[in-house]
Amino acid sequence: MALIQGAAIHRTLSFAAVHFCVAFLVGYAMTGSVLVGSALALVEPAFDTVAFYLDERGWQHIERRRSAELLAAPG
């Protein structure tokens, strides 16, 4: 289980890094302001990153439950 949680953390950190960069570039491109781009890069992706982590954990829970059901099914 720790390995699965570790994978969720690594994927979340990767997602966060990409998302922060994209948010900054979009904010900067739309406004020409480093300050606005930086603010967007900090606020919006922070919430998305938490949501992504919870989504990953939810899907891992579903996958574990399905695997357990398949193993328990008479075959």
PDB file of N, CA and C in Angstrom:
ATOM      1  N   MET A   1       0.822  -1.186   0.000  1.00  0.00           N
ATOM      2  CA  MET A   1       0.000   0.000   0.000  1.00  0.00           C
ATOM      3  C   MET A   1       0.873   1.260   0.000  1.00  0.00           C
ATOM      4  N   ALA A   2       1.994   1.227   0.718  1.00  0.00           N
ATOM      5  CA  ALA A   2       2.887   2.386   0.740  1.00  0.00           C
ATOM      6  C   ALA A   2       3.422   2.680  -0.654  1.00  0.00           C
ATOM      7  N   LEU A   3       3.683   1.628  -1.428  1.00  0.00           N
ATOM      8  CA  LEU A   3       4.171   1.814  -2.796  1.00  0.00           C
ATOM      9  C   LEU A   3       3.121   2.525  -3.645  1.00  0.00           C
ATOM     10  N   ILE A   4       1.874   2.140  -3.483  1.00  0.00           N
ATOM     11  CA  ILE A   4       0.790   2.762  -4.242  1.00  0.00           C
ATOM     12  C   ILE A   4       0.655   4.234  -3.847  1.00  0.00           C
ATOM     13  N   GLN A   5       0.728   4.525  -2.541  1.00  0.00           N
ATOM     14  CA  GLN A   5       0.638   5.915  -2.098  1.00  0.00           C
ATOM     15  C   GLN A   5       1.831   6.708  -2.597  1.00  0.00           C
ATOM     16  N   GLY A   6       3.019   6.087  -2.618  1.00  0.00           N
ATOM     17  CA  GLY A   6       4.211   6.752  -3.136  1.00  0.00           C
ATOM     18  C   GLY A   6       4.053   7.111  -4.602  1.00  0.00           C
ATOM     19  N   ALA A   7       3.455   6.202  -5.378  1.00  0.00           N
ATOM     20  CA  ALA A   7       3.218   6.475  -6.791  1.00  0.00           C
ATOM     21  C   ALA A   7       2.257   7.653  -6.950  1.00  0.00           C
ATOM     22  N   ALA A   8       1.253   7.723  -6.096  1.00  0.00           N
ATOM     23  CA  ALA A   8       0.299   8.831  -6.164  1.00  0.00           C
ATOM     24  C   ALA A   8       1.003  10.149  -5.850  1.00  0.00           C
ATOM     25  N   ILE A   9       1.916  10.134  -4.891  1.00  0.00           N
ATOM     26  CA  ILE A   9       2.656  11.349  -4.538  1.00  0.00           C
ATOM     27  C   ILE A   9       3.540  11.789  -5.704  1.00  0.00           C
ATOM     28  N   HIS A  10       4.260  10.847  -6.308  1.00  0.00           N
ATOM     29  CA  HIS A  10       5.146  11.193  -7.426  1.00  0.00           C
ATOM     30  C   HIS A  10       4.354  11.745  -8.611  1.00  0.00           C
ATOM     31  N   ARG A  11       3.255  11.114  -8.920  1.00  0.00           N
ATOM     32  CA  ARG A  11       2.426  11.600 -10.026  1.00  0.00           C
ATOM     33  C   ARG A  11       1.845  12.969  -9.706  1.00  0.00           C
ATOM     34  N   THR A  12       1.474  13.173  -8.449  1.00  0.00           N
ATOM     35  CA  THR A  12       0.929  14.466  -8.034  1.00  0.00           C
ATOM     36  C   THR A  12       1.974  15.556  -8.151  1.00  0.00           C
ATOM     37  N   LEU A  13       3.201  15.290  -7.724  1.00  0.00           N
ATOM     38  CA  LEU A  13       4.266  16.288  -7.819  1.00  0.00           C
ATOM     39  C   LEU A  13       4.596  16.621  -9.272  1.00  0.00           C
ATOM     40  N   SER A  14       4.606  15.602 -10.127  1.00  0.00           N
ATOM     41  CA  SER A  14       4.847  15.829 -11.557  1.00  0.00           C
ATOM     42  C   SER A  14       3.729  16.688 -12.154  1.00  0.00           C
ATOM     43  N   PHE A  15       2.496  16.335 -11.825  1.00  0.00           N
ATOM     44  CA  PHE A  15       1.340  17.092 -12.288  1.00  0.00           C
ATOM     45  C   PHE A  15       1.443  18.541 -11.821  1.00  0.00           C
ATOM     46  N   ALA A  16       1.821  18.729 -10.555  1.00  0.00           N
ATOM     47  CA  ALA A  16       1.912  20.080  -9.990  1.00  0.00           C
ATOM     48  C   ALA A  16       2.957  20.913 -10.720  1.00  0.00           C
ATOM     49  N   ALA A  17       4.125  20.332 -10.975  1.00  0.00           N
ATOM     50  CA  ALA A  17       5.197  21.074 -11.648  1.00  0.00           C
ATOM     51  C   ALA A  17       4.755  21.536 -13.038  1.00  0.00           C
ATOM     52  N   VAL A  18       4.158  20.643 -13.788  1.00  0.00           N
ATOM     53  CA  VAL A  18       3.686  21.002 -15.130  1.00  0.00           C
ATOM     54  C   VAL A  18       2.589  22.060 -15.027  1.00  0.00           C
ATOM     55  N   HIS A  19       1.674  21.858 -14.101  1.00  0.00           N
ATOM     56  CA  HIS A  19       0.530  22.760 -13.986  1.00  0.00           C
ATOM     57  C   HIS A  19       0.960  24.167 -13.549  1.00  0.00           C
ATOM     58  N   PHE A  20       1.908  24.264 -12.626  1.00  0.00           N
ATOM     59  CA  PHE A  20       2.401  25.579 -12.201  1.00  0.00           C
ATOM     60  C   PHE A  20       3.015  26.329 -13.389  1.00  0.00           C
ATOM     61  N   CYS A  21       3.799  25.615 -14.188  1.00  0.00           N
ATOM     62  CA  CYS A  21       4.429  26.251 -15.355  1.00  0.00           C
ATOM     63  C   CYS A  21       3.390  26.722 -16.364  1.00  0.00           C
ATOM     64  N   VAL A  22       2.432  25.877 -16.659  1.00  0.00           N
ATOM     65  CA  VAL A  22       1.394  26.235 -17.622  1.00  0.00           C
ATOM     66  C   VAL A  22       0.571  27.424 -17.109  1.00  0.00           C
ATOM     67  N   ALA A  23       0.206  27.396 -15.835  1.00  0.00           N
ATOM     68  CA  ALA A  23      -0.591  28.492 -15.275  1.00  0.00           C
ATOM     69  C   ALA A  23       0.175  29.814 -15.359  1.00  0.00           C
ATOM     70  N   PHE A  24       1.472  29.786 -15.050  1.00  0.00           N
ATOM     71  CA  PHE A  24       2.265  31.004 -15.139  1.00  0.00           C
ATOM     72  C   PHE A  24       2.313  31.510 -16.577  1.00  0.00           C
ATOM     73  N   LEU A  25       2.613  30.602 -17.515  1.00  0.00           N
ATOM     74  CA  LEU A  25       2.744  31.018 -18.913  1.00  0.00           C
ATOM     75  C   LEU A  25       1.438  31.568 -19.476  1.00  0.00           C
ATOM     76  N   VAL A  26       0.325  30.947 -19.134  1.00  0.00           N
ATOM     77  CA  VAL A  26      -0.971  31.441 -19.615  1.00  0.00           C
ATOM     78  C   VAL A  26      -1.269  32.805 -19.012  1.00  0.00           C
ATOM     79  N   GLY A  27      -1.078  32.944 -17.704  1.00  0.00           N
ATOM     80  CA  GLY A  27      -1.315  34.238 -17.050  1.00  0.00           C
ATOM     81  C   GLY A  27      -0.423  35.332 -17.603  1.00  0.00           C
ATOM     82  N   TYR A  28       0.842  35.014 -17.812  1.00  0.00           N
ATOM     83  CA  TYR A  28       1.784  35.994 -18.359  1.00  0.00           C
ATOM     84  C   TYR A  28       1.432  36.349 -19.801  1.00  0.00           C
ATOM     85  N   ALA A  29       1.108  35.333 -20.605  1.00  0.00           N
ATOM     86  CA  ALA A  29       0.767  35.583 -22.012  1.00  0.00           C
ATOM     87  C   ALA A  29      -0.495  36.434 -22.142  1.00  0.00           C
ATOM     88  N   MET A  30      -1.451  36.236 -21.259  1.00  0.00           N
ATOM     89  CA  MET A  30      -2.706  36.979 -21.350  1.00  0.00           C
ATOM     90  C   MET A  30      -2.584  38.407 -20.829  1.00  0.00           C
ATOM     91  N   THR A  31      -1.689  38.638 -19.858  1.00  0.00           N
ATOM     92  CA  THR A  31      -1.636  39.953 -19.230  1.00  0.00           C
ATOM     93  C   THR A  31      -0.312  40.686 -19.442  1.00  0.00           C
ATOM     94  N   GLY A  32       0.756  39.953 -19.756  1.00  0.00           N
ATOM     95  CA  GLY A  32       2.072  40.559 -19.865  1.00  0.00           C
ATOM     96  C   GLY A  32       2.670  40.902 -18.506  1.00  0.00           C
ATOM     97  N   SER A  33       2.018  40.457 -17.453  1.00  0.00           N
ATOM     98  CA  SER A  33       2.463  40.776 -16.098  1.00  0.00           C
ATOM     99  C   SER A  33       3.046  39.540 -15.420  1.00  0.00           C
ATOM    100  N   VAL A  34       4.295  39.667 -14.975  1.00  0.00           N
ATOM    101  CA  VAL A  34       4.920  38.576 -14.227  1.00  0.00           C
ATOM    102  C   VAL A  34       4.190  38.376 -12.897  1.00  0.00           C
ATOM    103  N   LEU A  35       3.734  39.461 -12.299  1.00  0.00           N
ATOM    104  CA  LEU A  35       3.025  39.367 -11.020  1.00  0.00           C
ATOM    105  C   LEU A  35       1.728  38.576 -11.163  1.00  0.00           C
ATOM    106  N   VAL A  36       0.935  38.881 -12.168  1.00  0.00           N
ATOM    107  CA  VAL A  36      -0.328  38.157 -12.388  1.00  0.00           C
ATOM    108  C   VAL A  36      -0.036  36.701 -12.744  1.00  0.00           C
ATOM    109  N   GLY A  37       0.939  36.485 -13.615  1.00  0.00           N
ATOM    110  CA  GLY A  37       1.314  35.117 -13.972  1.00  0.00           C
ATOM    111  C   GLY A  37       1.754  34.326 -12.756  1.00  0.00           C
ATOM    112  N   SER A  38       2.528  34.964 -11.882  1.00  0.00           N
ATOM    113  CA  SER A  38       2.988  34.291 -10.666  1.00  0.00           C
ATOM    114  C   SER A  38       1.836  33.995  -9.716  1.00  0.00           C
ATOM    115  N   ALA A  39       0.927  34.954  -9.574  1.00  0.00           N
ATOM    116  CA  ALA A  39      -0.225  34.747  -8.694  1.00  0.00           C
ATOM    117  C   ALA A  39      -1.076  33.585  -9.185  1.00  0.00           C
ATOM    118  N   LEU A  40      -1.339  33.552 -10.483  1.00  0.00           N
ATOM    119  CA  LEU A  40      -2.106  32.440 -11.035  1.00  0.00           C
ATOM    120  C   LEU A  40      -1.371  31.119 -10.854  1.00  0.00           C
ATOM    121  N   ALA A  41      -0.053  31.145 -11.023  1.00  0.00           N
ATOM    122  CA  ALA A  41       0.742  29.926 -10.904  1.00  0.00           C
ATOM    123  C   ALA A  41       0.747  29.389  -9.475  1.00  0.00           C
ATOM    124  N   LEU A  42       0.494  30.233  -8.500  1.00  0.00           N
ATOM    125  CA  LEU A  42       0.479  29.774  -7.115  1.00  0.00           C
ATOM    126  C   LEU A  42      -0.899  29.348  -6.630  1.00  0.00           C
ATOM    127  N   VAL A  43      -1.916  30.077  -7.025  1.00  0.00           N
ATOM    128  CA  VAL A  43      -3.246  29.844  -6.465  1.00  0.00           C
ATOM    129  C   VAL A  43      -3.989  28.706  -7.151  1.00  0.00           C
ATOM    130  N   GLU A  44      -4.237  28.831  -8.415  1.00  0.00           N
ATOM    131  CA  GLU A  44      -5.081  27.855  -9.124  1.00  0.00           C
ATOM    132  C   GLU A  44      -4.488  26.452  -9.131  1.00  0.00           C
ATOM    133  N   PRO A  45      -3.210  26.262  -9.466  1.00  0.00           N
ATOM    134  CA  PRO A  45      -2.662  24.909  -9.469  1.00  0.00           C
ATOM    135  C   PRO A  45      -2.600  24.268  -8.080  1.00  0.00           C
ATOM    136  N   ALA A  46      -2.496  25.058  -7.045  1.00  0.00           N
ATOM    137  CA  ALA A  46      -2.467  24.482  -5.696  1.00  0.00           C
ATOM    138  C   ALA A  46      -3.765  23.720  -5.425  1.00  0.00           C
ATOM    139  N   PHE A  47      -4.878  24.309  -5.774  1.00  0.00           N
ATOM    140  CA  PHE A  47      -6.160  23.636  -5.584  1.00  0.00           C
ATOM    141  C   PHE A  47      -6.297  22.437  -6.525  1.00  0.00           C
ATOM    142  N   ASP A  48      -5.866  22.599  -7.766  1.00  0.00           N
ATOM    143  CA  ASP A  48      -5.919  21.486  -8.718  1.00  0.00           C
ATOM    144  C   ASP A  48      -5.048  20.315  -8.271  1.00  0.00           C
ATOM    145  N   THR A  49      -3.898  20.610  -7.692  1.00  0.00           N
ATOM    146  CA  THR A  49      -2.988  19.552  -7.251  1.00  0.00           C
ATOM    147  C   THR A  49      -3.609  18.727  -6.136  1.00  0.00           C
ATOM    148  N   VAL A  50      -4.246  19.373  -5.197  1.00  0.00           N
ATOM    149  CA  VAL A  50      -4.922  18.643  -4.119  1.00  0.00           C
ATOM    150  C   VAL A  50      -6.051  17.797  -4.701  1.00  0.00           C
ATOM    151  N   ALA A  51      -6.821  18.370  -5.607  1.00  0.00           N
ATOM    152  CA  ALA A  51      -7.912  17.616  -6.241  1.00  0.00           C
ATOM    153  C   ALA A  51      -7.373  16.425  -7.019  1.00  0.00           C
ATOM    154  N   PHE A  52      -6.261  16.605  -7.733  1.00  0.00           N
ATOM    155  CA  PHE A  52      -5.663  15.518  -8.503  1.00  0.00           C
ATOM    156  C   PHE A  52      -5.209  14.392  -7.580  1.00  0.00           C
ATOM    157  N   TYR A  53      -4.557  14.739  -6.456  1.00  0.00           N
ATOM    158  CA  TYR A  53      -4.092  13.731  -5.511  1.00  0.00           C
ATOM    159  C   TYR A  53      -5.273  12.920  -4.961  1.00  0.00           C
ATOM    160  N   LEU A  54      -6.330  13.617  -4.577  1.00  0.00           N
ATOM    161  CA  LEU A  54      -7.507  12.913  -4.057  1.00  0.00           C
ATOM    162  C   LEU A  54      -8.144  12.032  -5.122  1.00  0.00           C
ATOM    163  N   ASP A  55      -8.162  12.503  -6.362  1.00  0.00           N
ATOM    164  CA  ASP A  55      -8.684  11.708  -7.468  1.00  0.00           C
ATOM    165  C   ASP A  55      -7.847  10.446  -7.672  1.00  0.00           C
ATOM    166  N   GLU A  56      -6.522  10.587  -7.653  1.00  0.00           N
ATOM    167  CA  GLU A  56      -5.633   9.427  -7.794  1.00  0.00           C
ATOM    168  C   GLU A  56      -5.871   8.411  -6.683  1.00  0.00           C
ATOM    169  N   ARG A  57      -5.966   8.888  -5.460  1.00  0.00           N
ATOM    170  CA  ARG A  57      -6.197   7.994  -4.327  1.00  0.00           C
ATOM    171  C   ARG A  57      -7.537   7.293  -4.465  1.00  0.00           C
ATOM    172  N   GLY A  58      -8.553   8.007  -4.925  1.00  0.00           N
ATOM    173  CA  GLY A  58      -9.861   7.393  -5.135  1.00  0.00           C
ATOM    174  C   GLY A  58      -9.815   6.280  -6.164  1.00  0.00           C
ATOM    175  N   TRP A  59      -9.147   6.530  -7.278  1.00  0.00           N
ATOM    176  CA  TRP A  59      -9.035   5.505  -8.312  1.00  0.00           C
ATOM    177  C   TRP A  59      -8.225   4.303  -7.828  1.00  0.00           C
ATOM    178  N   GLN A  60      -7.181   4.548  -7.034  1.00  0.00           N
ATOM    179  CA  GLN A  60      -6.401   3.438  -6.484  1.00  0.00           C
ATOM    180  C   GLN A  60      -7.259   2.586  -5.553  1.00  0.00           C
ATOM    181  N   HIS A  61      -8.107   3.228  -4.779  1.00  0.00           N
ATOM    182  CA  HIS A  61      -9.018   2.494  -3.892  1.00  0.00           C
ATOM    183  C   HIS A  61      -9.964   1.615  -4.713  1.00  0.00           C
ATOM    184  N   ILE A  62     -10.512   2.174  -5.782  1.00  0.00           N
ATOM    185  CA  ILE A  62     -11.416   1.411  -6.652  1.00  0.00           C
ATOM    186  C   ILE A  62     -10.686   0.228  -7.273  1.00  0.00           C
ATOM    187  N   GLU A  63      -9.455   0.451  -7.752  1.00  0.00           N
ATOM    188  CA  GLU A  63      -8.692  -0.631  -8.370  1.00  0.00           C
ATOM    189  C   GLU A  63      -8.368  -1.734  -7.369  1.00  0.00           C
ATOM    190  N   ARG A  64      -8.009  -1.362  -6.135  1.00  0.00           N
ATOM    191  CA  ARG A  64      -7.729  -2.378  -5.105  1.00  0.00           C
ATOM    192  C   ARG A  64      -8.981  -3.186  -4.791  1.00  0.00           C
ATOM    193  N   ARG A  65     -10.120  -2.503  -4.695  1.00  0.00           N
ATOM    194  CA  ARG A  65     -11.373  -3.205  -4.390  1.00  0.00           C
ATOM    195  C   ARG A  65     -11.737  -4.160  -5.517  1.00  0.00           C
ATOM    196  N   ARG A  66     -11.564  -3.722  -6.765  1.00  0.00           N
ATOM    197  CA  ARG A  66     -11.864  -4.605  -7.902  1.00  0.00           C
ATOM    198  C   ARG A  66     -10.946  -5.821  -7.912  1.00  0.00           C
ATOM    199  N   SER A  67      -9.669  -5.617  -7.617  1.00  0.00           N
ATOM    200  CA  SER A  67      -8.718  -6.728  -7.582  1.00  0.00           C
ATOM    201  C   SER A  67      -9.105  -7.713  -6.493  1.00  0.00           C
ATOM    202  N   ALA A  68      -9.495  -7.219  -5.328  1.00  0.00           N
ATOM    203  CA  ALA A  68      -9.896  -8.083  -4.232  1.00  0.00           C
ATOM    204  C   ALA A  68     -11.134  -8.874  -4.601  1.00  0.00           C
ATOM    205  N   GLU A  69     -12.074  -8.230  -5.285  1.00  0.00           N
ATOM    206  CA  GLU A  69     -13.301  -8.936  -5.700  1.00  0.00           C
ATOM    207  C   GLU A  69     -12.983 -10.022  -6.712  1.00  0.00           C
ATOM    208  N   LEU A  70     -12.068  -9.752  -7.627  1.00  0.00           N
ATOM    209  CA  LEU A  70     -11.696 -10.769  -8.614  1.00  0.00           C
ATOM    210  C   LEU A  70     -11.001 -11.967  -7.957  1.00  0.00           C
ATOM    211  N   LEU A  71     -10.162 -11.691  -6.981  1.00  0.00           N
ATOM    212  CA  LEU A  71      -9.470 -12.775  -6.274  1.00  0.00           C
ATOM    213  C   LEU A  71     -10.428 -13.597  -5.430  1.00  0.00           C
ATOM    214  N   ALA A  72     -11.454 -12.956  -4.878  1.00  0.00           N
ATOM    215  CA  ALA A  72     -12.399 -13.635  -4.009  1.00  0.00           C
ATOM    216  C   ALA A  72     -13.491 -14.373  -4.796  1.00  0.00           C
ATOM    217  N   ALA A  73     -13.668 -14.034  -6.060  1.00  0.00           N
ATOM    218  CA  ALA A  73     -14.727 -14.644  -6.864  1.00  0.00           C
ATOM    219  C   ALA A  73     -14.420 -16.117  -7.123  1.00  0.00           C
ATOM    220  N   PRO A  74     -15.431 -16.954  -6.984  1.00  0.00           N
ATOM    221  CA  PRO A  74     -15.198 -18.383  -7.290  1.00  0.00           C
ATOM    222  C   PRO A  74     -14.938 -18.545  -8.771  1.00  0.00           C
ATOM    223  N   GLY A  75     -13.969 -19.345  -9.047  1.00  0.00           N
ATOM    224  CA  GLY A  75     -13.625 -19.405 -10.457  1.00  0.00           C
ATOM    225  C   GLY A  75     -13.441 -20.739 -10.976  1.00  0.00           C
TER     226      GLY A  75
END
